[in-house]
């Protein structure tokens, strides 16, 4: 297998899903690196992207399910402070992971393109987590060796718009992109380049051949154009965790009796999580996910009932700090939150839990004579339970 490929199924000629996952956290030429440049536009080392990329690659191998396009391959590139092998959860095989330099990224893209080009019904999935900068419609995704070329720093970046344009000629009809990076402007990078140059890409631009079916491509962005994204040091990023939670069920629906995640519901669910203080913390509602185009098609089928976020509260928020909350299913206690378990920084916040699809009974007890109950069906995208005094 190629150096970036951590999983590859035998090519049977049937439609497959091929993924390329990139997480860049260690930047030698940014502040805090081994050879920092004088002006890196305030950008520093990141610890979240490698963790986030590993989590997404693990999910693809352990959870991703589309019977029409089963997983065919996963390629992984990382730049991390402490490099470590990646273990394929399917085979338990440990793979050394190539560093996410621009040359390795370009080589991985070419191989990924070729795998996708084997069948018009293939799906391509692209994921990048790391530093990014934008100017207008241009976006540069910064590889580990950004600023290595002192004459043109963007030789160490991937031109994201150029990547999407180059993939027009790939036979794969469905192409999905997840960009977990800032989209703020950079005077040091894109603006100073003088002409339109947002980095490198190995793919030449061109129209989609007329003999191929229409391409359906969707770029999901962690934030709005011009805005910054937010990471959690040493943890999965806010956007990527919202993505994974959405794929676990919040983004699903069962119009045909099975639970499927489609592209539109996925955006709705990600947006929901990123607006919740219990999930996103101080950046709730600040970092707003967005998409470019949004054709609707099924991305993932759940093997069973979805897991759904549920928010339980009393009629008045100030009562939440003193309430004992209980969740029951079929008469059996599932979860309990004692008054002493409140969030010290926000004691009036809702009780945020996750439950599988089904019928539940909720109770708030604020004394022996003040017991409030409610029964609801929990289903995606989320449910709120307000317990009102009778």
Protein backbone atom coordinates (compact mmCIF):
# COMPACT_ATOMS: atom_id res chain seq x y z
CA UNK A 1 0.00 0.00 0.00
CA UNK A 2 1.03 3.59 -0.54
CA UNK A 3 2.63 5.33 2.43
CA UNK A 4 -0.50 7.29 3.32
CA UNK A 5 -2.95 4.39 3.03
CA UNK A 6 -3.91 2.76 6.32
CA UNK A 7 -6.74 0.62 4.92
CA UNK A 8 -7.38 -0.72 1.42
CA UNK A 9 -10.01 -3.21 0.32
CA UNK A 10 -9.61 -5.34 -2.79
CA UNK A 11 -10.95 -3.61 -5.90
CA UNK A 12 -13.93 -5.68 -7.03
CA UNK A 13 -15.16 -3.14 -9.57
CA UNK A 14 -18.18 -2.28 -7.39
CA UNK A 15 -18.83 1.25 -6.03
CA UNK A 16 -16.81 2.19 -2.96
CA UNK A 17 -16.13 5.08 -0.63
CA UNK A 18 -12.55 6.35 -0.58
CA UNK A 19 -11.44 8.71 2.18
CA UNK A 20 -8.43 11.00 2.61
CA UNK A 21 -7.96 12.29 6.18
CA UNK A 22 -5.38 14.95 7.10
CA UNK A 23 -4.58 16.39 10.53
CA UNK A 24 -1.85 19.01 10.86
CA UNK A 25 -0.86 20.15 14.34
CA UNK A 26 2.93 20.38 14.36
CA UNK A 27 4.20 23.27 12.22
CA UNK A 28 8.01 23.59 12.44
CA UNK A 29 8.02 27.11 10.97
CA UNK A 30 5.24 28.61 13.10
CA UNK A 31 5.60 30.06 16.60
CA UNK A 32 6.63 27.34 19.00
CA UNK A 33 8.20 25.22 16.26
CA UNK A 34 11.82 24.24 15.75
CA UNK A 35 12.52 26.89 13.09
CA UNK A 36 9.88 29.63 13.40
CA UNK A 37 9.77 32.45 10.87
CA UNK A 38 9.71 36.05 12.05
CA UNK A 39 6.15 36.76 10.95
CA UNK A 40 3.76 33.82 10.97
CA UNK A 41 0.62 35.96 11.25
CA UNK A 42 0.03 34.92 14.86
CA UNK A 43 -0.33 31.24 14.01
CA UNK A 44 1.05 28.71 16.49
CA UNK A 45 1.25 24.98 17.10
CA UNK A 46 -2.00 23.00 17.35
CA UNK A 47 -2.66 19.85 19.36
CA UNK A 48 -6.28 19.15 18.35
CA UNK A 49 -5.98 18.37 14.60
CA UNK A 50 -4.06 15.07 14.87
CA UNK A 51 -6.45 13.88 17.59
CA UNK A 52 -9.43 14.93 15.47
CA UNK A 53 -8.10 13.28 12.31
CA UNK A 54 -7.41 10.02 14.16
CA UNK A 55 -10.96 10.09 15.56
CA UNK A 56 -12.49 10.60 12.11
CA UNK A 57 -10.35 7.86 10.54
CA UNK A 58 -11.29 5.50 13.37
CA UNK A 59 -14.99 6.30 12.88
CA UNK A 60 -14.76 5.58 9.15
CA UNK A 61 -13.20 2.18 9.79
CA UNK A 62 -15.33 1.20 12.79
CA UNK A 63 -18.72 2.83 12.16
CA UNK A 64 -19.19 4.07 8.59
CA UNK A 65 -21.90 2.13 6.78
CA UNK A 66 -23.29 2.60 3.29
CA UNK A 67 -24.30 -0.69 1.63
CA UNK A 68 -24.37 1.07 -1.75
CA UNK A 69 -20.81 2.36 -1.34
CA UNK A 70 -18.94 0.40 1.36
CA UNK A 71 -15.60 1.71 2.53
CA UNK A 72 -12.87 1.00 0.02
CA UNK A 73 -9.89 2.85 1.45
CA UNK A 74 -8.68 5.29 4.07
CA UNK A 75 -5.53 7.37 3.61
CA UNK A 76 -4.19 9.25 6.64
CA UNK A 77 -1.56 11.97 6.96
CA UNK A 78 -0.63 13.57 10.29
CA UNK A 79 1.76 16.11 11.70
CA UNK A 80 1.91 15.70 15.47
CA UNK A 81 4.29 16.52 18.29
CA UNK A 82 4.66 12.86 19.27
CA UNK A 83 4.20 10.70 16.13
CA UNK A 84 2.65 7.31 16.76
CA UNK A 85 1.30 4.49 14.59
CA UNK A 86 -2.37 4.35 13.67
CA UNK A 87 -4.14 1.06 14.43
CA UNK A 88 -6.81 -0.03 11.97
CA UNK A 89 -9.77 -1.02 14.20
CA UNK A 90 -10.90 -3.56 11.59
CA UNK A 91 -7.66 -5.48 11.27
CA UNK A 92 -5.81 -4.35 14.43
CA UNK A 93 -2.84 -3.67 12.15
CA UNK A 94 -0.60 -0.78 13.23
CA UNK A 95 0.50 1.55 10.43
CA UNK A 96 3.23 4.16 10.46
CA UNK A 97 1.69 7.43 9.28
CA UNK A 98 3.37 9.73 6.78
CA UNK A 99 3.90 13.35 7.81
CA UNK A 100 1.41 15.83 6.35
CA UNK A 101 3.92 17.81 4.29
CA UNK A 102 2.68 19.41 1.10
CA UNK A 103 4.50 16.89 -1.10
CA UNK A 104 2.97 13.97 0.78
CA UNK A 105 -0.47 15.58 0.64
CA UNK A 106 -0.21 16.12 -3.12
CA UNK A 107 0.92 12.52 -3.66
CA UNK A 108 -1.92 11.21 -1.49
CA UNK A 109 -4.46 13.31 -3.42
CA UNK A 110 -3.30 11.87 -6.74
CA UNK A 111 -3.64 8.29 -5.48
CA UNK A 112 -6.99 9.07 -3.85
CA UNK A 113 -8.21 10.62 -7.12
CA UNK A 114 -7.23 7.46 -9.02
CA UNK A 115 -9.10 5.24 -6.56
CA UNK A 116 -12.19 7.41 -6.89
CA UNK A 117 -11.85 7.45 -10.68
CA UNK A 118 -12.44 3.70 -10.90
CA UNK A 119 -16.25 3.93 -10.84
CA UNK A 120 -18.80 6.68 -11.49
CA UNK A 121 -20.78 5.57 -8.43
CA UNK A 122 -17.82 5.95 -6.07
CA UNK A 123 -17.87 8.46 -3.22
CA UNK A 124 -14.86 10.56 -2.23
CA UNK A 125 -14.52 11.88 1.33
CA UNK A 126 -11.92 14.54 2.15
CA UNK A 127 -11.16 15.76 5.68
CA UNK A 128 -8.65 18.40 6.75
CA UNK A 129 -8.04 19.75 10.23
CA UNK A 130 -5.33 22.34 10.82
CA UNK A 131 -4.53 25.95 10.01
CA UNK A 132 -6.33 27.58 7.10
CA UNK A 133 -6.52 31.09 5.67
CA UNK A 134 -8.89 32.64 3.15
CA UNK A 135 -9.24 35.61 0.86
CA UNK A 136 -12.54 35.91 -0.99
CA UNK A 137 -13.33 32.54 -2.56
CA UNK A 138 -9.75 31.34 -2.17
CA UNK A 139 -8.75 29.13 0.74
CA UNK A 140 -5.33 27.76 1.59
CA UNK A 141 -5.03 24.69 3.82
CA UNK A 142 -1.64 24.85 5.48
CA UNK A 143 0.57 21.76 5.36
CA UNK A 144 3.17 21.02 8.02
CA UNK A 145 5.94 22.71 6.00
CA UNK A 146 4.20 26.06 5.46
CA UNK A 147 6.85 28.83 5.39
CA UNK A 148 9.58 26.35 4.49
CA UNK A 149 9.90 28.22 1.17
CA UNK A 150 10.91 31.72 2.27
CA UNK A 151 10.27 33.14 -1.21
CA UNK A 152 6.69 31.86 -1.43
CA UNK A 153 5.21 30.48 1.81
CA UNK A 154 2.09 29.23 0.00
CA UNK A 155 4.16 26.57 -1.71
CA UNK A 156 3.54 24.79 1.59
CA UNK A 157 -0.25 25.03 1.31
CA UNK A 158 -3.02 23.20 -0.52
CA UNK A 159 -5.31 25.28 -2.74
CA UNK A 160 -8.71 24.01 -1.60
CA UNK A 161 -10.77 25.61 -4.39
CA UNK A 162 -8.21 24.25 -6.86
CA UNK A 163 -8.63 20.79 -5.34
CA UNK A 164 -12.41 20.86 -5.77
CA UNK A 165 -12.10 22.19 -9.32
CA UNK A 166 -9.58 19.51 -10.25
CA UNK A 167 -11.91 16.80 -8.98
CA UNK A 168 -14.55 17.76 -11.56
CA UNK A 169 -12.86 15.35 -13.96
CA UNK A 170 -12.86 12.46 -11.47
CA UNK A 171 -15.52 9.86 -12.24
CA UNK A 172 -16.67 9.65 -8.60
CA UNK A 173 -20.12 11.24 -8.63
CA UNK A 174 -20.39 12.02 -4.90
CA UNK A 175 -17.63 14.14 -3.35
CA UNK A 176 -17.85 15.29 0.26
CA UNK A 177 -15.36 17.64 1.95
CA UNK A 178 -14.97 18.50 5.65
CA UNK A 179 -12.73 21.48 6.32
CA UNK A 180 -12.06 22.01 10.02
CA UNK A 181 -9.93 25.13 9.79
CA UNK A 182 -10.09 28.90 10.11
CA UNK A 183 -11.37 30.88 7.15
CA UNK A 184 -10.07 34.25 8.33
CA UNK A 185 -8.03 36.56 6.11
CA UNK A 186 -4.24 36.61 6.14
CA UNK A 187 -2.17 39.58 5.02
CA UNK A 188 1.01 37.50 5.27
CA UNK A 189 -0.24 34.74 3.02
CA UNK A 190 -2.95 35.10 0.39
CA UNK A 191 -3.13 38.90 0.19
CA UNK A 192 0.63 39.30 -0.16
CA UNK A 193 0.88 36.81 -3.01
CA UNK A 194 -0.15 39.50 -5.49
CA UNK A 195 -1.90 37.17 -7.94
CA UNK A 196 -4.43 34.43 -7.42
CA UNK A 197 -2.37 31.75 -5.70
CA UNK A 198 -3.72 29.93 -2.67
CA UNK A 199 -1.32 27.02 -2.67
CA UNK A 200 -0.59 23.95 -4.71
CA UNK A 201 -2.72 21.16 -6.13
CA UNK A 202 -1.70 18.22 -8.35
CA UNK A 203 -4.99 18.35 -10.25
CA UNK A 204 -5.46 20.45 -13.34
CA UNK A 205 -8.75 22.35 -13.61
CA UNK A 206 -11.21 21.46 -16.30
CA UNK A 207 -14.87 20.87 -17.08
CA UNK A 208 -16.50 17.59 -16.18
CA UNK A 209 -16.56 15.33 -19.24
CA UNK A 210 -19.98 15.27 -20.89
CA UNK A 211 -20.14 11.48 -20.81
CA UNK A 212 -20.01 11.41 -16.99
CA UNK A 213 -23.03 11.79 -14.68
CA UNK A 214 -23.42 15.10 -12.89
CA UNK A 215 -21.11 15.56 -9.92
CA UNK A 216 -22.63 16.15 -6.47
CA UNK A 217 -20.05 17.83 -4.26
CA UNK A 218 -20.49 19.36 -0.81
CA UNK A 219 -17.85 21.31 1.14
CA UNK A 220 -18.71 21.46 4.85
CA UNK A 221 -16.81 24.23 6.65
CA UNK A 222 -16.26 24.49 10.39
CA UNK A 223 -17.04 28.20 10.27
CA UNK A 224 -18.38 31.02 8.12
CA UNK A 225 -16.16 32.72 5.57
CA UNK A 226 -13.86 35.21 7.28
CA UNK A 227 -14.24 33.62 10.72
CA UNK A 228 -11.98 31.60 12.98
CA UNK A 229 -12.51 28.05 14.15
CA UNK A 230 -11.86 26.90 17.70
CA UNK A 231 -9.97 23.88 18.95
CA UNK A 232 -9.77 22.14 22.29
CA UNK A 233 -6.14 21.58 23.28
CA UNK A 234 -5.31 17.90 23.10
CA UNK A 235 -8.92 16.95 22.32
CA UNK A 236 -11.15 16.45 19.31
CA UNK A 237 -12.15 19.84 17.89
CA UNK A 238 -15.60 21.36 18.41
CA UNK A 239 -16.58 20.90 14.76
CA UNK A 240 -15.29 17.35 14.43
CA UNK A 241 -16.93 16.22 17.66
CA UNK A 242 -20.20 17.78 16.46
CA UNK A 243 -19.76 15.90 13.18
CA UNK A 244 -19.17 12.56 14.94
CA UNK A 245 -22.09 13.06 17.33
CA UNK A 246 -24.32 13.94 14.39
CA UNK A 247 -23.31 10.81 12.52
CA UNK A 248 -24.13 8.74 15.62
CA UNK A 249 -27.78 9.57 15.18
CA UNK A 250 -28.71 13.22 15.65
CA UNK A 251 -28.53 13.72 11.87
CA UNK A 252 -30.60 10.64 11.01
CA UNK A 253 -34.20 10.05 9.99
CA UNK A 254 -36.24 6.91 9.29
CA UNK A 255 -38.54 7.69 6.35
CA UNK A 256 -38.23 4.13 5.06
CA UNK A 257 -37.99 2.32 8.38
CA UNK A 258 -34.22 2.47 8.74
CA UNK A 259 -32.11 5.26 10.16
CA UNK A 260 -30.15 7.16 7.52
CA UNK A 261 -28.00 10.28 7.66
CA UNK A 262 -28.34 12.52 4.64
CA UNK A 263 -26.29 15.56 3.74
CA UNK A 264 -28.94 18.12 4.70
CA UNK A 265 -29.73 16.61 8.10
CA UNK A 266 -26.00 16.42 8.79
CA UNK A 267 -25.61 20.20 8.51
CA UNK A 268 -28.68 20.74 10.70
CA UNK A 269 -27.35 18.46 13.43
CA UNK A 270 -23.81 19.87 13.38
CA UNK A 271 -25.25 23.37 13.64
CA UNK A 272 -27.42 22.30 16.58
CA UNK A 273 -24.47 20.95 18.59
CA UNK A 274 -22.34 24.00 17.88
CA UNK A 275 -25.06 26.28 19.28
CA UNK A 276 -25.38 24.38 22.57
CA UNK A 277 -23.46 25.79 25.56
CA UNK A 278 -23.39 22.33 27.16
CA UNK A 279 -21.45 21.06 24.14
CA UNK A 280 -19.58 24.00 22.61
CA UNK A 281 -19.00 25.99 25.80
CA UNK A 282 -17.92 29.59 25.36
CA UNK A 283 -17.91 29.37 21.55
CA UNK A 284 -21.55 28.22 21.33
CA UNK A 285 -23.14 30.17 18.50
CA UNK A 286 -19.87 31.98 17.81
CA UNK A 287 -18.45 29.39 15.45
CA UNK A 288 -21.14 28.73 12.84
CA UNK A 289 -20.73 25.78 10.45
CA UNK A 290 -21.58 26.32 6.81
CA UNK A 291 -21.60 24.64 3.41
CA UNK A 292 -20.91 25.60 -0.16
CA UNK A 293 -23.40 23.67 -2.26
CA UNK A 294 -25.80 21.21 -0.62
CA UNK A 295 -27.20 18.49 -2.88
CA UNK A 296 -29.10 15.98 -0.76
CA UNK A 297 -28.14 12.32 -0.67
CA UNK A 298 -27.65 9.61 1.95
CA UNK A 299 -24.18 9.44 3.51
CA UNK A 300 -24.47 6.82 6.23
CA UNK A 301 -26.88 4.20 7.55
CA UNK A 302 -27.03 3.44 11.25
CA UNK A 303 -26.90 -0.23 12.31
CA UNK A 304 -29.54 0.43 14.98
CA UNK A 305 -31.55 3.17 16.70
CA UNK A 306 -29.89 6.62 16.78
CA UNK A 307 -28.35 8.30 19.80
CA UNK A 308 -30.04 11.67 20.35
CA UNK A 309 -29.18 14.68 22.56
CA UNK A 310 -31.83 15.45 25.17
CA UNK A 311 -32.03 18.58 27.35
CA UNK A 312 -34.05 18.40 30.56
CA UNK A 313 -35.02 21.45 32.62
CA UNK A 314 -37.58 22.84 35.01
CA UNK A 315 -40.12 25.45 34.03
CA UNK A 316 -37.88 28.19 35.40
CA UNK A 317 -34.12 27.95 34.83
CA UNK A 318 -33.30 29.04 38.38
CA UNK A 319 -34.98 25.84 39.64
CA UNK A 320 -32.53 23.57 37.80
CA UNK A 321 -29.78 23.98 40.41
CA UNK A 322 -32.02 22.54 43.15
CA UNK A 323 -33.76 19.84 41.14
CA UNK A 324 -33.08 16.12 41.16
CA UNK A 325 -33.67 14.82 37.63
CA UNK A 326 -34.47 11.21 36.78
CA UNK A 327 -34.88 9.49 33.40
CA UNK A 328 -36.72 6.14 33.19
CA UNK A 329 -37.39 3.69 30.37
CA UNK A 330 -40.08 1.02 30.72
CA UNK A 331 -40.25 1.81 34.43
CA UNK A 332 -36.53 1.25 34.98
CA UNK A 333 -34.22 4.08 35.97
CA UNK A 334 -31.73 4.91 33.24
CA UNK A 335 -30.06 8.12 34.45
CA UNK A 336 -30.17 10.38 37.48
CA UNK A 337 -28.72 13.81 38.24
CA UNK A 338 -28.55 14.86 41.87
CA UNK A 339 -28.65 18.56 42.81
CA UNK A 340 -25.01 18.35 43.86
CA UNK A 341 -23.99 17.33 40.34
CA UNK A 342 -24.82 20.67 38.73
CA UNK A 343 -22.35 22.54 36.58
CA UNK A 344 -20.65 24.88 39.05
CA UNK A 345 -19.99 27.52 36.41
CA UNK A 346 -23.61 27.44 35.18
CA UNK A 347 -25.86 25.84 37.84
CA UNK A 348 -29.02 26.90 36.02
CA UNK A 349 -28.13 25.05 32.84
CA UNK A 350 -30.23 22.20 31.46
CA UNK A 351 -29.40 18.58 32.20
CA UNK A 352 -27.80 17.48 28.93
CA UNK A 353 -27.86 13.73 28.25
CA UNK A 354 -27.85 11.36 25.29
CA UNK A 355 -30.46 8.64 24.76
CA UNK A 356 -31.32 6.15 22.07
CA UNK A 357 -34.55 6.54 20.10
CA UNK A 358 -37.51 5.44 22.23
CA UNK A 359 -40.08 6.39 24.86
CA UNK A 360 -38.91 7.80 28.19
CA UNK A 361 -40.36 9.18 31.41
CA UNK A 362 -38.70 12.19 33.02
CA UNK A 363 -39.01 13.47 36.56
CA UNK A 364 -37.88 16.57 38.43
CA UNK A 365 -38.04 16.46 42.21
CA UNK A 366 -37.73 19.71 44.17
CA UNK A 367 -39.10 18.36 47.43
CA UNK A 368 -41.52 15.67 48.55
CA UNK A 369 -44.52 17.72 47.44
CA UNK A 370 -43.05 19.12 44.25
CA UNK A 371 -42.59 16.27 41.79
CA UNK A 372 -42.97 17.00 38.10
CA UNK A 373 -43.19 14.36 35.38
CA UNK A 374 -43.40 14.15 31.62
CA UNK A 375 -43.29 11.35 29.03
CA UNK A 376 -41.91 11.90 25.53
CA UNK A 377 -40.56 10.04 22.52
CA UNK A 378 -36.88 10.77 21.95
CA UNK A 379 -35.96 11.08 18.28
CA UNK A 380 -33.55 13.17 16.12
CA UNK A 381 -32.41 15.89 15.85
CA UNK A 382 -32.82 16.58 19.59
CA UNK A 383 -35.51 16.81 22.26
CA UNK A 384 -36.12 19.33 25.02
CA UNK A 385 -38.07 18.31 28.09
CA UNK A 386 -39.62 21.10 30.20
CA UNK A 387 -40.93 19.84 33.53
CA UNK A 388 -43.75 22.11 34.66
CA UNK A 389 -45.19 22.31 38.15
CA UNK A 390 -48.71 20.84 38.12
